[in-house]
Amino acid sequence: MPDPLPARRPSPQSDTTHRCAAHGCPAQVPRRLLMCRIHWRQVPADVRASVWLAYRHGQETDGRPSPAYLDAVAAAVAAVARHGRPRSGTAQ
């Protein structure tokens, strides 16, 4: 999945990690994961399941996620935003 956040200076880890998709979270997570553990646990189980069902192995590197995956990601990010403030601090 391409990084949904605005462009920024590449980090040494940018080829293997990206920022957590939760708004304002500074955590770096592996490219195969959408969010840090803290934020992923805030996503309701049914939304987490829809993210995994729509996920296709390799989409994070080829940049071609499906529309269903993008919809599931939007639902997950919205669920975290409704849950409360972004986590502060540094990456896990």
N, C-alpha and C. Protein backbone atom coordinates (compact mmCIF):
# COMPACT_ATOMS: atom_id res chain seq x y z
N MET A 1 0.85 -1.18 0.00
CA MET A 1 0.00 0.00 0.00
C MET A 1 0.89 1.24 0.00
N PRO A 2 0.66 2.15 -0.91
CA PRO A 2 1.43 3.39 -0.85
C PRO A 2 1.13 4.13 0.43
N ASP A 3 2.12 4.83 0.94
CA ASP A 3 1.96 5.58 2.18
C ASP A 3 0.86 6.62 2.01
N PRO A 4 -0.21 6.58 2.84
CA PRO A 4 -1.31 7.52 2.69
C PRO A 4 -1.01 8.90 3.23
N LEU A 5 0.15 9.09 3.80
CA LEU A 5 0.48 10.37 4.39
C LEU A 5 1.20 11.26 3.39
N PRO A 6 1.20 12.57 3.60
CA PRO A 6 1.87 13.47 2.66
C PRO A 6 3.35 13.13 2.48
N ALA A 7 3.89 13.53 1.35
CA ALA A 7 5.31 13.27 1.05
C ALA A 7 6.20 13.88 2.12
N ARG A 8 7.25 13.21 2.43
CA ARG A 8 8.23 13.69 3.41
C ARG A 8 9.59 13.15 3.01
N ARG A 9 10.60 13.65 3.66
CA ARG A 9 11.95 13.17 3.35
C ARG A 9 12.04 11.67 3.59
N PRO A 10 12.64 10.92 2.67
CA PRO A 10 12.77 9.48 2.88
C PRO A 10 13.67 9.19 4.07
N SER A 11 13.32 8.18 4.80
CA SER A 11 14.16 7.75 5.91
C SER A 11 14.95 6.52 5.46
N PRO A 12 15.98 6.17 6.21
CA PRO A 12 16.74 4.97 5.83
C PRO A 12 15.86 3.72 5.83
N GLN A 13 14.77 3.75 6.61
CA GLN A 13 13.90 2.58 6.70
C GLN A 13 12.77 2.60 5.68
N SER A 14 12.64 3.65 4.87
CA SER A 14 11.46 3.84 4.05
C SER A 14 11.19 2.73 3.05
N ASP A 15 12.22 1.95 2.69
CA ASP A 15 11.96 0.86 1.75
C ASP A 15 11.33 -0.35 2.44
N THR A 16 11.44 -0.46 3.75
CA THR A 16 10.88 -1.60 4.46
C THR A 16 9.80 -1.21 5.46
N THR A 17 9.69 0.08 5.77
CA THR A 17 8.69 0.53 6.74
C THR A 17 7.96 1.76 6.21
N HIS A 18 6.89 2.10 6.91
CA HIS A 18 6.15 3.33 6.63
C HIS A 18 5.52 3.78 7.94
N ARG A 19 5.00 4.99 7.96
CA ARG A 19 4.34 5.47 9.17
C ARG A 19 3.00 4.78 9.35
N CYS A 20 2.64 4.58 10.59
CA CYS A 20 1.32 4.06 10.94
C CYS A 20 0.27 4.91 10.23
N ALA A 21 -0.77 4.28 9.72
CA ALA A 21 -1.82 4.99 8.97
C ALA A 21 -2.73 5.83 9.86
N ALA A 22 -2.66 5.65 11.17
CA ALA A 22 -3.47 6.48 12.07
C ALA A 22 -2.98 7.92 12.02
N HIS A 23 -3.90 8.84 11.91
CA HIS A 23 -3.53 10.26 11.81
C HIS A 23 -2.68 10.70 13.00
N GLY A 24 -1.52 11.26 12.70
CA GLY A 24 -0.66 11.83 13.72
C GLY A 24 0.25 10.85 14.44
N CYS A 25 0.19 9.59 14.11
CA CYS A 25 1.04 8.61 14.80
C CYS A 25 2.42 8.58 14.15
N PRO A 26 3.48 8.71 14.96
CA PRO A 26 4.84 8.72 14.41
C PRO A 26 5.46 7.33 14.24
N ALA A 27 4.76 6.28 14.67
CA ALA A 27 5.35 4.94 14.67
C ALA A 27 5.66 4.46 13.25
N GLN A 28 6.82 3.85 13.08
CA GLN A 28 7.19 3.18 11.84
C GLN A 28 6.79 1.71 11.96
N VAL A 29 6.12 1.20 10.95
CA VAL A 29 5.69 -0.20 10.95
C VAL A 29 6.15 -0.87 9.65
N PRO A 30 6.29 -2.19 9.66
CA PRO A 30 6.65 -2.89 8.43
C PRO A 30 5.64 -2.59 7.32
N ARG A 31 6.09 -2.54 6.08
CA ARG A 31 5.22 -2.19 4.95
C ARG A 31 4.01 -3.12 4.84
N ARG A 32 4.12 -4.35 5.31
CA ARG A 32 3.01 -5.29 5.20
C ARG A 32 1.89 -5.00 6.20
N LEU A 33 2.18 -4.13 7.19
CA LEU A 33 1.19 -3.79 8.21
C LEU A 33 0.62 -2.40 7.95
N LEU A 34 -0.61 -2.20 8.33
CA LEU A 34 -1.26 -0.91 8.13
C LEU A 34 -0.95 0.06 9.25
N MET A 35 -0.99 -0.42 10.48
CA MET A 35 -0.88 0.45 11.65
C MET A 35 0.02 -0.18 12.70
N CYS A 36 0.41 0.66 13.66
CA CYS A 36 1.13 0.16 14.83
C CYS A 36 0.16 -0.69 15.66
N ARG A 37 0.70 -1.46 16.56
CA ARG A 37 -0.11 -2.36 17.38
C ARG A 37 -1.17 -1.61 18.19
N ILE A 38 -0.79 -0.48 18.76
CA ILE A 38 -1.73 0.28 19.59
C ILE A 38 -2.95 0.70 18.77
N HIS A 39 -2.72 1.24 17.60
CA HIS A 39 -3.85 1.70 16.79
C HIS A 39 -4.61 0.54 16.16
N TRP A 40 -3.93 -0.49 15.74
CA TRP A 40 -4.62 -1.65 15.15
C TRP A 40 -5.61 -2.26 16.15
N ARG A 41 -5.25 -2.27 17.41
CA ARG A 41 -6.15 -2.81 18.44
C ARG A 41 -7.37 -1.93 18.68
N GLN A 42 -7.33 -0.68 18.22
CA GLN A 42 -8.48 0.21 18.35
C GLN A 42 -9.48 0.01 17.20
N VAL A 43 -9.08 -0.69 16.18
CA VAL A 43 -9.96 -0.95 15.04
C VAL A 43 -10.90 -2.10 15.41
N PRO A 44 -12.21 -1.92 15.22
CA PRO A 44 -13.14 -3.01 15.53
C PRO A 44 -12.79 -4.29 14.76
N ALA A 45 -13.08 -5.42 15.37
CA ALA A 45 -12.72 -6.72 14.79
C ALA A 45 -13.27 -6.92 13.39
N ASP A 46 -14.49 -6.48 13.14
CA ASP A 46 -15.06 -6.67 11.80
C ASP A 46 -14.34 -5.84 10.75
N VAL A 47 -13.88 -4.66 11.13
CA VAL A 47 -13.12 -3.81 10.19
C VAL A 47 -11.73 -4.39 9.97
N ARG A 48 -11.10 -4.89 11.04
CA ARG A 48 -9.79 -5.56 10.87
C ARG A 48 -9.92 -6.73 9.91
N ALA A 49 -11.00 -7.50 10.07
CA ALA A 49 -11.22 -8.65 9.19
C ALA A 49 -11.39 -8.20 7.73
N SER A 50 -12.09 -7.10 7.51
CA SER A 50 -12.27 -6.63 6.14
C SER A 50 -10.96 -6.16 5.52
N VAL A 51 -10.08 -5.59 6.34
CA VAL A 51 -8.75 -5.19 5.84
C VAL A 51 -7.99 -6.43 5.40
N TRP A 52 -7.96 -7.46 6.24
CA TRP A 52 -7.21 -8.68 5.89
C TRP A 52 -7.83 -9.41 4.72
N LEU A 53 -9.15 -9.44 4.62
CA LEU A 53 -9.80 -10.12 3.50
C LEU A 53 -9.48 -9.45 2.17
N ALA A 54 -9.35 -8.12 2.19
CA ALA A 54 -9.08 -7.38 0.96
C ALA A 54 -7.60 -7.26 0.65
N TYR A 55 -6.73 -7.59 1.61
CA TYR A 55 -5.29 -7.49 1.42
C TYR A 55 -4.81 -8.52 0.41
N ARG A 56 -3.91 -8.11 -0.46
CA ARG A 56 -3.27 -9.01 -1.42
C ARG A 56 -1.77 -8.95 -1.16
N HIS A 57 -1.15 -10.09 -0.93
CA HIS A 57 0.29 -10.13 -0.68
C HIS A 57 1.03 -9.44 -1.82
N GLY A 58 1.92 -8.54 -1.48
CA GLY A 58 2.72 -7.84 -2.46
C GLY A 58 2.19 -6.49 -2.88
N GLN A 59 0.96 -6.16 -2.49
CA GLN A 59 0.39 -4.87 -2.92
C GLN A 59 1.15 -3.69 -2.33
N GLU A 60 1.80 -3.90 -1.21
CA GLU A 60 2.55 -2.81 -0.59
C GLU A 60 3.81 -2.47 -1.38
N THR A 61 4.29 -3.38 -2.20
CA THR A 61 5.47 -3.10 -3.00
C THR A 61 5.13 -2.74 -4.44
N ASP A 62 4.04 -3.29 -4.97
CA ASP A 62 3.70 -2.96 -6.36
C ASP A 62 2.79 -1.74 -6.47
N GLY A 63 2.28 -1.27 -5.33
CA GLY A 63 1.47 -0.05 -5.32
C GLY A 63 0.13 -0.19 -6.00
N ARG A 64 -0.43 -1.41 -6.03
CA ARG A 64 -1.71 -1.63 -6.69
C ARG A 64 -2.74 -2.28 -5.75
N PRO A 65 -3.09 -1.60 -4.65
CA PRO A 65 -4.12 -2.17 -3.78
C PRO A 65 -5.48 -2.11 -4.47
N SER A 66 -6.35 -3.01 -4.12
CA SER A 66 -7.69 -3.05 -4.72
C SER A 66 -8.57 -1.95 -4.13
N PRO A 67 -9.62 -1.58 -4.84
CA PRO A 67 -10.58 -0.61 -4.28
C PRO A 67 -11.18 -1.11 -2.95
N ALA A 68 -11.41 -2.42 -2.85
CA ALA A 68 -11.95 -2.97 -1.60
C ALA A 68 -10.96 -2.76 -0.45
N TYR A 69 -9.67 -2.93 -0.71
CA TYR A 69 -8.67 -2.72 0.33
C TYR A 69 -8.63 -1.25 0.74
N LEU A 70 -8.66 -0.35 -0.24
CA LEU A 70 -8.64 1.08 0.08
C LEU A 70 -9.86 1.48 0.90
N ASP A 71 -11.02 0.90 0.59
CA ASP A 71 -12.23 1.17 1.39
C ASP A 71 -12.07 0.66 2.82
N ALA A 72 -11.50 -0.55 2.95
CA ALA A 72 -11.30 -1.13 4.29
C ALA A 72 -10.31 -0.30 5.09
N VAL A 73 -9.25 0.18 4.44
CA VAL A 73 -8.27 1.03 5.11
C VAL A 73 -8.92 2.32 5.58
N ALA A 74 -9.73 2.93 4.73
CA ALA A 74 -10.41 4.17 5.12
C ALA A 74 -11.30 3.93 6.34
N ALA A 75 -11.98 2.79 6.37
CA ALA A 75 -12.83 2.46 7.53
C ALA A 75 -11.99 2.27 8.78
N ALA A 76 -10.84 1.64 8.65
CA ALA A 76 -9.96 1.42 9.81
C ALA A 76 -9.41 2.74 10.34
N VAL A 77 -8.96 3.60 9.44
CA VAL A 77 -8.42 4.90 9.85
C VAL A 77 -9.52 5.73 10.52
N ALA A 78 -10.72 5.70 9.96
CA ALA A 78 -11.84 6.44 10.55
C ALA A 78 -12.20 5.90 11.93
N ALA A 79 -12.14 4.58 12.09
CA ALA A 79 -12.45 3.98 13.40
C ALA A 79 -11.47 4.44 14.46
N VAL A 80 -10.19 4.50 14.10
CA VAL A 80 -9.18 4.95 15.06
C VAL A 80 -9.40 6.43 15.37
N ALA A 81 -9.72 7.22 14.37
CA ALA A 81 -9.96 8.65 14.59
C ALA A 81 -11.14 8.86 15.53
N ARG A 82 -12.16 8.03 15.41
CA ARG A 82 -13.32 8.14 16.32
C ARG A 82 -12.97 7.67 17.72
N HIS A 83 -11.97 6.80 17.83
CA HIS A 83 -11.60 6.21 19.12
C HIS A 83 -10.99 7.23 20.06
N GLY A 84 -10.27 8.19 19.53
CA GLY A 84 -9.64 9.17 20.41
C GLY A 84 -8.42 9.79 19.80
N ARG A 85 -7.68 10.49 20.64
CA ARG A 85 -6.49 11.23 20.21
C ARG A 85 -5.41 10.28 19.69
N PRO A 86 -4.58 10.78 18.76
CA PRO A 86 -3.45 9.97 18.31
C PRO A 86 -2.47 9.74 19.45
N ARG A 87 -1.78 8.69 19.37
CA ARG A 87 -0.75 8.35 20.36
C ARG A 87 0.38 9.35 20.25
N SER A 88 0.97 9.71 21.34
CA SER A 88 2.13 10.60 21.30
C SER A 88 3.36 9.79 21.64
N GLY A 89 4.50 10.33 21.30
CA GLY A 89 5.74 9.65 21.61
C GLY A 89 6.43 9.17 20.37
N THR A 90 7.26 8.17 20.54
CA THR A 90 8.05 7.68 19.43
C THR A 90 7.57 6.31 19.00
N ALA A 91 8.13 5.82 17.95
CA ALA A 91 7.76 4.53 17.40
C ALA A 91 8.02 3.43 18.42
N GLN A 92 7.28 2.34 18.24
CA GLN A 92 7.42 1.20 19.13
C GLN A 92 8.74 0.52 18.98
